[in-house]
Amino acid sequence: MPTSTEFFGVTAYNLGSLTTTFSAPSACATGNDHHVIVNGSKPDEVWGHPTCGFKDRGSCLPSGKSYDSLASVTTPLNRAWNFYYSPGIACPSGWTTAGTMIKEGDSSLSVSGVFSSRLQASSTGAVELEAVDWWAEIMNVSETIAYCCPSDYVANPAGYCFSTVGPRTDFNYSSMCYRPTPVDIITVTSLDGVSLTQPLISLDILTTPGSTFEDDRLFTHSLYSTELVVATWVPAVPLIHQQSDVDEAEEDDDENDDEGDGEGDDAGGNAASTKRPGNGVVSVLGLTLGILAGMGMLL
């Protein structure tokens, strides 16, 4: 598991191991209390929330109570965090791998899926730190991270999964949550004594955010109103492991097969491996155990 616990002001929390397939209650698949407003043609592009307030994940997420505890804390100022499961080798039941990244060396990464994408277009100016670059600093060499998302959801590089559920008119949403927060935009040109080839943006929250309220300004703007639809979202489940974790799981499964009682193999199909073909891209392989089939944004 990673030994670093913080980079660029974002704290990393390990919510524990995930080496067997987590199954959420059936009600989690039909829940509609985690809505966001998204771009209809690009559902992983979030514009806002139709209502204010944090809603628990509870038993719908592995170690859901720990996740809820982190997400519900809003102080101190500038608090930013991310989470992962390590050793993590098993996507939840009904979820699949949205992307993987192997840290092959201090400055060498092998990426696939959503990790191949960037949230921001290429620019010569200052940009926000990308999630893939943050993970690269947190992880140890030879570790792999995989984002798991529900099989019918679209992932984004920040570690969130989205699925559109219909137009706003179906839900009578006429406003979005608005929380004005005075910030100072800081341009970072060097980090740990090393000059950056591309400056980074850091947001310094100046005062405690004022009152939170709902506002219709985006819905009534002609540029956005016809493009915005309703989606449901869930945080991606980020799994971090070494190849030795996968090998150990396979060995344990082989031992169980040797002792077997005639039952078939796990048909979960949520499997992946750190082994890769000649082109260096992480491959997704079926392992007997059914192993492996998400920055601090508070939603």
C-alpha atoms as a PDB file:
ATOM      1  CA  MET A   1       0.000   0.000   0.000  1.00  0.00           C
ATOM      2  CA  PRO A   2       1.159   3.599  -0.505  1.00  0.00           C
ATOM      3  CA  THR A   3       3.419   5.007   2.203  1.00  0.00           C
ATOM      4  CA  SER A   4       2.708   8.653   1.346  1.00  0.00           C
ATOM      5  CA  THR A   5      -0.370  10.176   2.944  1.00  0.00           C
ATOM      6  CA  GLU A   6      -0.417  13.664   1.404  1.00  0.00           C
ATOM      7  CA  PHE A   7       0.596  15.554  -1.727  1.00  0.00           C
ATOM      8  CA  PHE A   8      -0.148  19.120  -2.827  1.00  0.00           C
ATOM      9  CA  GLY A   9      -2.457  19.650   0.128  1.00  0.00           C
ATOM     10  CA  VAL A  10      -4.615  16.587  -0.578  1.00  0.00           C
ATOM     11  CA  THR A  11      -4.644  13.894   2.115  1.00  0.00           C
ATOM     12  CA  ALA A  12      -4.910  10.191   1.224  1.00  0.00           C
ATOM     13  CA  TYR A  13      -6.955   7.820   3.385  1.00  0.00           C
ATOM     14  CA  ASN A  14      -6.796   4.028   3.146  1.00  0.00           C
ATOM     15  CA  LEU A  15     -10.272   2.670   3.949  1.00  0.00           C
ATOM     16  CA  GLY A  16      -8.907  -0.847   4.331  1.00  0.00           C
ATOM     17  CA  SER A  17      -8.391  -3.933   2.218  1.00  0.00           C
ATOM     18  CA  LEU A  18     -10.808  -5.098  -0.460  1.00  0.00           C
ATOM     19  CA  THR A  19      -9.746  -8.596  -1.448  1.00  0.00           C
ATOM     20  CA  THR A  20     -13.179 -10.197  -1.784  1.00  0.00           C
ATOM     21  CA  THR A  21     -16.161  -9.083  -3.842  1.00  0.00           C
ATOM     22  CA  PHE A  22     -18.311  -6.556  -1.967  1.00  0.00           C
ATOM     23  CA  SER A  23     -22.053  -6.863  -2.608  1.00  0.00           C
ATOM     24  CA  ALA A  24     -24.247  -3.863  -1.843  1.00  0.00           C
ATOM     25  CA  PRO A  25     -27.936  -4.164  -0.859  1.00  0.00           C
ATOM     26  CA  SER A  26     -30.254  -4.334  -3.883  1.00  0.00           C
ATOM     27  CA  ALA A  27     -31.789  -0.970  -2.981  1.00  0.00           C
ATOM     28  CA  CYS A  28     -28.486   0.723  -3.837  1.00  0.00           C
ATOM     29  CA  ALA A  29     -28.984  -0.067  -7.526  1.00  0.00           C
ATOM     30  CA  THR A  30     -32.271   1.827  -7.685  1.00  0.00           C
ATOM     31  CA  GLY A  31     -31.495   4.705  -5.323  1.00  0.00           C
ATOM     32  CA  ASN A  32     -31.997   8.163  -6.841  1.00  0.00           C
ATOM     33  CA  ASP A  33     -30.940  10.427  -3.987  1.00  0.00           C
ATOM     34  CA  HIS A  34     -27.497  11.297  -5.384  1.00  0.00           C
ATOM     35  CA  HIS A  35     -28.399  13.450  -8.359  1.00  0.00           C
ATOM     36  CA  VAL A  36     -26.188  15.936 -10.194  1.00  0.00           C
ATOM     37  CA  ILE A  37     -26.744  18.223 -13.166  1.00  0.00           C
ATOM     38  CA  VAL A  38     -24.492  17.270 -16.077  1.00  0.00           C
ATOM     39  CA  ASN A  39     -23.775  18.111 -19.691  1.00  0.00           C
ATOM     40  CA  GLY A  40     -26.216  16.004 -21.708  1.00  0.00           C
ATOM     41  CA  SER A  41     -23.644  15.168 -24.377  1.00  0.00           C
ATOM     42  CA  LYS A  42     -20.843  14.562 -21.855  1.00  0.00           C
ATOM     43  CA  PRO A  43     -22.316  13.124 -18.644  1.00  0.00           C
ATOM     44  CA  ASP A  44     -19.003  13.099 -16.759  1.00  0.00           C
ATOM     45  CA  GLU A  45     -18.984  16.925 -16.934  1.00  0.00           C
ATOM     46  CA  VAL A  46     -20.750  18.089 -13.771  1.00  0.00           C
ATOM     47  CA  TRP A  47     -22.359  21.523 -13.531  1.00  0.00           C
ATOM     48  CA  GLY A  48     -23.856  21.322 -10.064  1.00  0.00           C
ATOM     49  CA  HIS A  49     -26.281  19.738  -7.626  1.00  0.00           C
ATOM     50  CA  PRO A  50     -30.049  20.250  -7.764  1.00  0.00           C
ATOM     51  CA  THR A  51     -30.280  20.252  -3.959  1.00  0.00           C
ATOM     52  CA  CYS A  52     -27.939  21.203  -1.133  1.00  0.00           C
ATOM     53  CA  GLY A  53     -26.580  18.955   1.583  1.00  0.00           C
ATOM     54  CA  PHE A  54     -24.453  15.825   1.881  1.00  0.00           C
ATOM     55  CA  LYS A  55     -26.163  12.446   1.531  1.00  0.00           C
ATOM     56  CA  ASP A  56     -24.621   9.342   3.101  1.00  0.00           C
ATOM     57  CA  ARG A  57     -23.465   6.346   1.069  1.00  0.00           C
ATOM     58  CA  GLY A  58     -23.706   3.936   3.986  1.00  0.00           C
ATOM     59  CA  SER A  59     -23.868   0.263   3.056  1.00  0.00           C
ATOM     60  CA  CYS A  60     -23.848   1.053  -0.685  1.00  0.00           C
ATOM     61  CA  LEU A  61     -20.061   1.523  -0.630  1.00  0.00           C
ATOM     62  CA  PRO A  62     -17.303  -0.650   0.882  1.00  0.00           C
ATOM     63  CA  SER A  63     -16.423   0.872   4.273  1.00  0.00           C
ATOM     64  CA  GLY A  64     -19.239   3.305   3.559  1.00  0.00           C
ATOM     65  CA  LYS A  65     -19.401   4.643   7.102  1.00  0.00           C
ATOM     66  CA  SER A  66     -15.730   5.636   6.947  1.00  0.00           C
ATOM     67  CA  TYR A  67     -16.306   7.365   3.612  1.00  0.00           C
ATOM     68  CA  ASP A  68     -19.335   9.218   4.986  1.00  0.00           C
ATOM     69  CA  SER A  69     -17.347  10.318   8.017  1.00  0.00           C
ATOM     70  CA  LEU A  70     -14.681  11.861   5.774  1.00  0.00           C
ATOM     71  CA  ALA A  71     -17.151  13.493   3.409  1.00  0.00           C
ATOM     72  CA  SER A  72     -19.259  15.056   6.163  1.00  0.00           C
ATOM     73  CA  VAL A  73     -16.372  16.995   7.733  1.00  0.00           C
ATOM     74  CA  THR A  74     -16.044  20.454   6.184  1.00  0.00           C
ATOM     75  CA  THR A  75     -13.389  21.996   8.446  1.00  0.00           C
ATOM     76  CA  PRO A  76     -10.658  23.108   8.602  1.00  0.00           C
ATOM     77  CA  LEU A  77     -10.486  25.416   5.612  1.00  0.00           C
ATOM     78  CA  ASN A  78      -8.626  24.135   2.543  1.00  0.00           C
ATOM     79  CA  ARG A  79      -9.445  20.565   3.564  1.00  0.00           C
ATOM     80  CA  ALA A  80      -9.027  18.257   0.571  1.00  0.00           C
ATOM     81  CA  TRP A  81      -8.886  14.465   0.617  1.00  0.00           C
ATOM     82  CA  ASN A  82      -9.047  11.308  -1.415  1.00  0.00           C
ATOM     83  CA  PHE A  83      -9.534   7.658  -0.486  1.00  0.00           C
ATOM     84  CA  TYR A  84      -8.536   4.209  -1.670  1.00  0.00           C
ATOM     85  CA  TYR A  85      -8.578   0.543  -0.665  1.00  0.00           C
ATOM     86  CA  SER A  86      -5.287  -1.309  -0.237  1.00  0.00           C
ATOM     87  CA  PRO A  87      -4.559  -4.035  -0.766  1.00  0.00           C
ATOM     88  CA  GLY A  88      -7.457  -3.786  -3.163  1.00  0.00           C
ATOM     89  CA  ILE A  89      -7.995  -6.437  -5.832  1.00  0.00           C
ATOM     90  CA  ALA A  90     -11.771  -6.915  -6.039  1.00  0.00           C
ATOM     91  CA  CYS A  91     -14.282  -4.571  -7.655  1.00  0.00           C
ATOM     92  CA  PRO A  92     -17.744  -4.573  -6.031  1.00  0.00           C
ATOM     93  CA  SER A  93     -20.301  -6.940  -7.522  1.00  0.00           C
ATOM     94  CA  GLY A  94     -21.779  -5.492 -10.721  1.00  0.00           C
ATOM     95  CA  TRP A  95     -18.924  -3.015 -11.109  1.00  0.00           C
ATOM     96  CA  THR A  96     -16.143  -3.105 -13.678  1.00  0.00           C
ATOM     97  CA  THR A  97     -12.708  -1.580 -14.227  1.00  0.00           C
ATOM     98  CA  ALA A  98     -12.877   1.913 -15.744  1.00  0.00           C
ATOM     99  CA  GLY A  99      -9.118   2.327 -15.997  1.00  0.00           C
ATOM    100  CA  THR A 100      -5.783   1.280 -14.536  1.00  0.00           C
ATOM    101  CA  MET A 101      -2.398   2.853 -13.917  1.00  0.00           C
ATOM    102  CA  ILE A 102       0.895   1.167 -13.026  1.00  0.00           C
ATOM    103  CA  LYS A 103       3.691   3.209 -11.499  1.00  0.00           C
ATOM    104  CA  GLU A 104       6.609   1.523 -13.250  1.00  0.00           C
ATOM    105  CA  GLY A 105       9.234   3.993 -12.025  1.00  0.00           C
ATOM    106  CA  ASP A 106       9.582   7.358 -10.342  1.00  0.00           C
ATOM    107  CA  SER A 107       8.689   9.084 -13.618  1.00  0.00           C
ATOM    108  CA  SER A 108       7.246   6.205 -15.648  1.00  0.00           C
ATOM    109  CA  LEU A 109       3.552   5.305 -15.804  1.00  0.00           C
ATOM    110  CA  SER A 110       1.559   2.777 -17.818  1.00  0.00           C
ATOM    111  CA  VAL A 111      -2.072   3.864 -18.144  1.00  0.00           C
ATOM    112  CA  SER A 112      -5.281   2.610 -19.722  1.00  0.00           C
ATOM    113  CA  GLY A 113      -8.951   3.538 -19.774  1.00  0.00           C
ATOM    114  CA  VAL A 114     -10.004   6.662 -17.918  1.00  0.00           C
ATOM    115  CA  PHE A 115      -6.445   7.239 -16.677  1.00  0.00           C
ATOM    116  CA  SER A 116      -5.517   8.018 -20.291  1.00  0.00           C
ATOM    117  CA  SER A 117      -7.778  11.086 -20.217  1.00  0.00           C
ATOM    118  CA  ARG A 118      -7.233  14.509 -18.708  1.00  0.00           C
ATOM    119  CA  LEU A 119      -9.811  16.800 -17.150  1.00  0.00           C
ATOM    120  CA  GLN A 120      -8.175  19.869 -18.654  1.00  0.00           C
ATOM    121  CA  ALA A 121      -7.193  20.552 -22.231  1.00  0.00           C
ATOM    122  CA  SER A 122      -3.533  21.084 -22.995  1.00  0.00           C
ATOM    123  CA  SER A 123      -2.521  24.592 -22.055  1.00  0.00           C
ATOM    124  CA  THR A 124       0.601  26.696 -21.788  1.00  0.00           C
ATOM    125  CA  GLY A 125      -0.735  28.413 -18.684  1.00  0.00           C
ATOM    126  CA  ALA A 126      -1.216  27.214 -15.120  1.00  0.00           C
ATOM    127  CA  VAL A 127      -3.513  24.203 -14.633  1.00  0.00           C
ATOM    128  CA  GLU A 128      -4.991  22.337 -11.702  1.00  0.00           C
ATOM    129  CA  LEU A 129      -3.186  19.178 -10.594  1.00  0.00           C
ATOM    130  CA  GLU A 130      -4.622  16.209 -12.479  1.00  0.00           C
ATOM    131  CA  ALA A 131      -5.792  13.177 -10.510  1.00  0.00           C
ATOM    132  CA  VAL A 132      -3.430  10.841 -12.384  1.00  0.00           C
ATOM    133  CA  ASP A 133      -0.454  13.017 -11.383  1.00  0.00           C
ATOM    134  CA  TRP A 134      -1.600  13.103  -7.762  1.00  0.00           C
ATOM    135  CA  TRP A 135      -1.893   9.313  -7.618  1.00  0.00           C
ATOM    136  CA  ALA A 136       1.554   8.990  -9.201  1.00  0.00           C
ATOM    137  CA  GLU A 137       3.016  10.934  -6.274  1.00  0.00           C
ATOM    138  CA  ILE A 138       1.088   8.997  -3.615  1.00  0.00           C
ATOM    139  CA  MET A 139       1.779   5.497  -4.942  1.00  0.00           C
ATOM    140  CA  ASN A 140       4.954   3.461  -4.589  1.00  0.00           C
ATOM    141  CA  VAL A 141       6.891   2.132  -7.583  1.00  0.00           C
ATOM    142  CA  SER A 142       5.379  -1.125  -8.973  1.00  0.00           C
ATOM    143  CA  GLU A 143       1.955  -0.428  -7.471  1.00  0.00           C
ATOM    144  CA  THR A 144      -1.205  -0.505  -9.585  1.00  0.00           C
ATOM    145  CA  ILE A 145      -4.368   1.528  -9.118  1.00  0.00           C
ATOM    146  CA  ALA A 146      -7.696   0.660 -10.722  1.00  0.00           C
ATOM    147  CA  TYR A 147     -10.907   2.696 -10.737  1.00  0.00           C
ATOM    148  CA  CYS A 148     -14.051   0.565 -10.396  1.00  0.00           C
ATOM    149  CA  CYS A 149     -17.426   1.929 -11.564  1.00  0.00           C
ATOM    150  CA  PRO A 150     -20.880   0.365 -11.945  1.00  0.00           C
ATOM    151  CA  SER A 151     -20.920  -1.428 -15.291  1.00  0.00           C
ATOM    152  CA  ASP A 152     -23.399   0.976 -16.934  1.00  0.00           C
ATOM    153  CA  TYR A 153     -21.784   4.199 -15.675  1.00  0.00           C
ATOM    154  CA  VAL A 154     -19.302   6.590 -17.316  1.00  0.00           C
ATOM    155  CA  ALA A 155     -16.134   7.428 -15.358  1.00  0.00           C
ATOM    156  CA  ASN A 156     -14.146  10.640 -15.284  1.00  0.00           C
ATOM    157  CA  PRO A 157     -10.433  11.023 -14.443  1.00  0.00           C
ATOM    158  CA  ALA A 158     -11.187  12.652 -11.088  1.00  0.00           C
ATOM    159  CA  GLY A 159     -12.621   9.383  -9.796  1.00  0.00           C
ATOM    160  CA  TYR A 160     -16.391   9.680 -10.164  1.00  0.00           C
ATOM    161  CA  CYS A 161     -18.942   7.557 -12.028  1.00  0.00           C
ATOM    162  CA  PHE A 162     -22.075   8.956 -13.698  1.00  0.00           C
ATOM    163  CA  SER A 163     -25.216   7.672 -15.381  1.00  0.00           C
ATOM    164  CA  THR A 164     -27.840   9.953 -16.927  1.00  0.00           C
ATOM    165  CA  VAL A 165     -31.396   9.347 -15.727  1.00  0.00           C
ATOM    166  CA  GLY A 166     -33.426  11.858 -17.716  1.00  0.00           C
ATOM    167  CA  PRO A 167     -34.209  15.506 -18.498  1.00  0.00           C
ATOM    168  CA  ARG A 168     -34.656  18.040 -15.710  1.00  0.00           C
ATOM    169  CA  THR A 169     -38.366  18.291 -16.441  1.00  0.00           C
ATOM    170  CA  ASP A 170     -38.850  14.710 -15.258  1.00  0.00           C
ATOM    171  CA  PHE A 171     -37.615  15.700 -11.798  1.00  0.00           C
ATOM    172  CA  ASN A 172     -38.949  19.261 -11.502  1.00  0.00           C
ATOM    173  CA  TYR A 173     -35.473  20.635 -10.811  1.00  0.00           C
ATOM    174  CA  SER A 174     -35.360  24.404 -11.330  1.00  0.00           C
ATOM    175  CA  SER A 175     -32.229  25.428  -9.403  1.00  0.00           C
ATOM    176  CA  MET A 176     -28.791  24.288  -8.309  1.00  0.00           C
ATOM    177  CA  CYS A 177     -26.995  24.466  -4.982  1.00  0.00           C
ATOM    178  CA  TYR A 178     -24.872  27.600  -4.697  1.00  0.00           C
ATOM    179  CA  ARG A 179     -22.222  28.188  -2.037  1.00  0.00           C
ATOM    180  CA  PRO A 180     -20.220  31.376  -2.616  1.00  0.00           C
ATOM    181  CA  THR A 181     -16.675  30.921  -1.334  1.00  0.00           C
ATOM    182  CA  PRO A 182     -14.045  33.666  -1.544  1.00  0.00           C
ATOM    183  CA  VAL A 183     -10.780  32.175  -2.777  1.00  0.00           C
ATOM    184  CA  ASP A 184      -7.362  33.395  -3.782  1.00  0.00           C
ATOM    185  CA  ILE A 185      -5.901  31.724  -6.886  1.00  0.00           C
ATOM    186  CA  ILE A 186      -2.213  30.971  -6.373  1.00  0.00           C
ATOM    187  CA  THR A 187       0.122  30.011  -9.212  1.00  0.00           C
ATOM    188  CA  VAL A 188       2.707  27.446  -8.100  1.00  0.00           C
ATOM    189  CA  THR A 189       5.876  27.474 -10.213  1.00  0.00           C
ATOM    190  CA  SER A 190       8.043  25.122  -8.143  1.00  0.00           C
ATOM    191  CA  LEU A 191       7.361  22.155  -5.906  1.00  0.00           C
ATOM    192  CA  ASP A 192       9.743  20.663  -3.340  1.00  0.00           C
ATOM    193  CA  GLY A 193      12.489  22.858  -4.737  1.00  0.00           C
ATOM    194  CA  VAL A 194      11.984  21.700  -8.330  1.00  0.00           C
ATOM    195  CA  SER A 195      10.815  24.109 -11.049  1.00  0.00           C
ATOM    196  CA  LEU A 196       7.655  22.953 -12.828  1.00  0.00           C
ATOM    197  CA  THR A 197       7.544  22.840 -16.621  1.00  0.00           C
ATOM    198  CA  GLN A 198       3.868  23.783 -16.339  1.00  0.00           C
ATOM    199  CA  PRO A 199       2.709  25.872 -13.349  1.00  0.00           C
ATOM    200  CA  LEU A 200      -0.045  24.525 -11.109  1.00  0.00           C
ATOM    201  CA  ILE A 201      -3.075  26.305  -9.691  1.00  0.00           C
ATOM    202  CA  SER A 202      -3.734  26.193  -5.961  1.00  0.00           C
ATOM    203  CA  LEU A 203      -6.931  27.597  -4.438  1.00  0.00           C
ATOM    204  CA  ASP A 204      -6.600  29.289  -1.055  1.00  0.00           C
ATOM    205  CA  ILE A 205      -9.956  29.641   0.718  1.00  0.00           C
ATOM    206  CA  LEU A 206      -9.903  33.044   2.389  1.00  0.00           C
ATOM    207  CA  THR A 207     -12.903  32.839   4.707  1.00  0.00           C
ATOM    208  CA  THR A 208     -15.512  30.362   5.823  1.00  0.00           C
ATOM    209  CA  PRO A 209     -18.108  29.944   3.041  1.00  0.00           C
ATOM    210  CA  GLY A 210     -21.270  31.906   3.581  1.00  0.00           C
ATOM    211  CA  SER A 211     -24.778  30.571   3.538  1.00  0.00           C
ATOM    212  CA  THR A 212     -25.637  27.805   1.102  1.00  0.00           C
ATOM    213  CA  PHE A 213     -28.692  28.322  -1.071  1.00  0.00           C
ATOM    214  CA  GLU A 214     -30.281  27.203  -4.314  1.00  0.00           C
ATOM    215  CA  ASP A 215     -30.046  29.418  -7.378  1.00  0.00           C
ATOM    216  CA  ASP A 216     -31.491  29.211 -10.892  1.00  0.00           C
ATOM    217  CA  ARG A 217     -28.935  31.341 -12.748  1.00  0.00           C
ATOM    218  CA  LEU A 218     -27.434  28.492 -14.807  1.00  0.00           C
ATOM    219  CA  PHE A 219     -30.796  26.942 -15.588  1.00  0.00           C
ATOM    220  CA  THR A 220     -32.119  30.212 -16.977  1.00  0.00           C
ATOM    221  CA  HIS A 221     -29.035  31.012 -19.076  1.00  0.00           C
ATOM    222  CA  SER A 222     -29.732  30.170 -22.718  1.00  0.00           C
ATOM    223  CA  LEU A 223     -26.186  28.876 -23.230  1.00  0.00           C
ATOM    224  CA  TYR A 224     -26.681  26.019 -20.759  1.00  0.00           C
ATOM    225  CA  SER A 225     -30.352  25.349 -20.145  1.00  0.00           C
ATOM    226  CA  THR A 226     -31.033  23.066 -23.118  1.00  0.00           C
ATOM    227  CA  GLU A 227     -27.863  21.005 -22.616  1.00  0.00           C
ATOM    228  CA  LEU A 228     -28.228  20.124 -18.949  1.00  0.00           C
ATOM    229  CA  VAL A 229     -29.751  16.816 -17.813  1.00  0.00           C
ATOM    230  CA  VAL A 230     -29.987  14.860 -14.572  1.00  0.00           C
ATOM    231  CA  ALA A 231     -27.553  12.079 -13.705  1.00  0.00           C
ATOM    232  CA  THR A 232     -26.899   9.901 -10.695  1.00  0.00           C
ATOM    233  CA  TRP A 233     -23.341   9.570  -9.419  1.00  0.00           C
ATOM    234  CA  VAL A 234     -21.181   7.401  -7.196  1.00  0.00           C
ATOM    235  CA  PRO A 235     -17.505   7.754  -6.267  1.00  0.00           C
ATOM    236  CA  ALA A 236     -15.267   5.348  -8.131  1.00  0.00           C
ATOM    237  CA  VAL A 237     -13.768   2.653  -5.911  1.00  0.00           C
ATOM    238  CA  PRO A 238      -9.968   3.089  -6.181  1.00  0.00           C
ATOM    239  CA  LEU A 239      -8.073  -0.166  -5.640  1.00  0.00           C
ATOM    240  CA  ILE A 240      -4.301  -0.144  -5.079  1.00  0.00           C
ATOM    241  CA  HIS A 241      -2.208  -3.296  -5.025  1.00  0.00           C
ATOM    242  CA  GLN A 242       1.147  -4.876  -5.786  1.00  0.00           C
ATOM    243  CA  GLN A 243       1.439  -7.860  -8.111  1.00  0.00           C
ATOM    244  CA  SER A 244       2.292  -9.911  -5.012  1.00  0.00           C
ATOM    245  CA  ASP A 245      -1.214  -9.193  -3.661  1.00  0.00           C
ATOM    246  CA  VAL A 246      -2.729 -10.664  -6.829  1.00  0.00           C
ATOM    247  CA  ASP A 247      -0.386 -13.663  -6.736  1.00  0.00           C
ATOM    248  CA  GLU A 248      -1.254 -14.341  -3.100  1.00  0.00           C
ATOM    249  CA  ALA A 249      -4.960 -14.191  -3.883  1.00  0.00           C
ATOM    250  CA  GLU A 250      -4.510 -16.669  -6.741  1.00  0.00           C
ATOM    251  CA  GLU A 251      -2.554 -19.009  -4.475  1.00  0.00           C
ATOM    252  CA  ASP A 252      -5.255 -18.844  -1.821  1.00  0.00           C
ATOM    253  CA  ASP A 253      -7.891 -19.555  -4.446  1.00  0.00           C
ATOM    254  CA  ASP A 254      -5.907 -22.512  -5.797  1.00  0.00           C
ATOM    255  CA  GLU A 255      -5.671 -23.917  -2.278  1.00  0.00           C
ATOM    256  CA  ASN A 256      -9.415 -23.540  -1.852  1.00  0.00           C
ATOM    257  CA  ASP A 257      -9.949 -25.312  -5.174  1.00  0.00           C
ATOM    258  CA  ASP A 258      -7.750 -28.186  -4.001  1.00  0.00           C
ATOM    259  CA  GLU A 259      -9.907 -28.504  -0.916  1.00  0.00           C
ATOM    260  CA  GLY A 260     -12.985 -27.919  -3.058  1.00  0.00           C
ATOM    261  CA  ASP A 261     -16.445 -29.205  -2.461  1.00  0.00           C
ATOM    262  CA  GLY A 262     -17.406 -29.414  -6.129  1.00  0.00           C
ATOM    263  CA  GLU A 263     -18.706 -25.856  -6.439  1.00  0.00           C
ATOM    264  CA  GLY A 264     -17.848 -23.804  -9.537  1.00  0.00           C
ATOM    265  CA  ASP A 265     -15.489 -20.854  -9.656  1.00  0.00           C
ATOM    266  CA  ASP A 266     -16.639 -17.362  -8.773  1.00  0.00           C
ATOM    267  CA  ALA A 267     -18.491 -16.051 -11.800  1.00  0.00           C
ATOM    268  CA  GLY A 268     -18.221 -12.429 -10.799  1.00  0.00           C
ATOM    269  CA  GLY A 269     -15.978 -11.575 -13.731  1.00  0.00           C
ATOM    270  CA  ASN A 270     -14.594  -8.485 -11.991  1.00  0.00           C
ATOM    271  CA  ALA A 271     -10.990  -9.418 -12.719  1.00  0.00           C
ATOM    272  CA  ALA A 272      -7.828  -7.619 -13.825  1.00  0.00           C
ATOM    273  CA  SER A 273      -4.106  -8.163 -13.723  1.00  0.00           C
ATOM    274  CA  THR A 274      -0.957  -6.072 -13.674  1.00  0.00           C
ATOM    275  CA  LYS A 275       0.498  -8.279 -16.412  1.00  0.00           C
ATOM    276  CA  ARG A 276       0.579  -6.517 -19.748  1.00  0.00           C
ATOM    277  CA  PRO A 277       1.126  -7.318 -23.431  1.00  0.00           C
ATOM    278  CA  GLY A 278       4.032  -6.096 -25.537  1.00  0.00           C
ATOM    279  CA  ASN A 279       2.541  -2.644 -26.110  1.00  0.00           C
ATOM    280  CA  GLY A 280       2.805  -1.830 -22.401  1.00  0.00           C
ATOM    281  CA  VAL A 281      -0.895  -1.181 -21.848  1.00  0.00           C
ATOM    282  CA  VAL A 282      -2.445  -2.812 -18.801  1.00  0.00           C
ATOM    283  CA  SER A 283      -4.494  -5.829 -19.828  1.00  0.00           C
ATOM    284  CA  VAL A 284      -7.704  -7.045 -18.211  1.00  0.00           C
ATOM    285  CA  LEU A 285      -7.630 -10.781 -17.622  1.00  0.00           C
ATOM    286  CA  GLY A 286     -10.018 -13.203 -15.946  1.00  0.00           C
ATOM    287  CA  LEU A 287      -8.610 -14.576 -12.695  1.00  0.00           C
ATOM    288  CA  THR A 288     -10.247 -17.418 -10.829  1.00  0.00           C
ATOM    289  CA  LEU A 289     -11.032 -15.409  -7.722  1.00  0.00           C
ATOM    290  CA  GLY A 290     -12.932 -12.746  -9.619  1.00  0.00           C
ATOM    291  CA  ILE A 291     -10.438 -10.035  -8.667  1.00  0.00           C
ATOM    292  CA  LEU A 292     -10.624  -6.591 -10.099  1.00  0.00           C
ATOM    293  CA  ALA A 293     -13.465  -6.806 -13.132  1.00  0.00           C
ATOM    294  CA  GLY A 294     -11.291   7.038  -7.700  1.00  0.00           C
ATOM    295  CA  MET A 295      -9.917  14.331  -6.114  1.00  0.00           C
ATOM    296  CA  GLY A 296     -11.243  15.426  -2.795  1.00  0.00           C
ATOM    297  CA  MET A 297     -14.286  17.082  -4.327  1.00  0.00           C
ATOM    298  CA  LEU A 298     -16.998  17.093  -1.671  1.00  0.00           C
ATOM    299  CA  LEU A 299     -20.261  16.124  -3.351  1.00  0.00           C
END
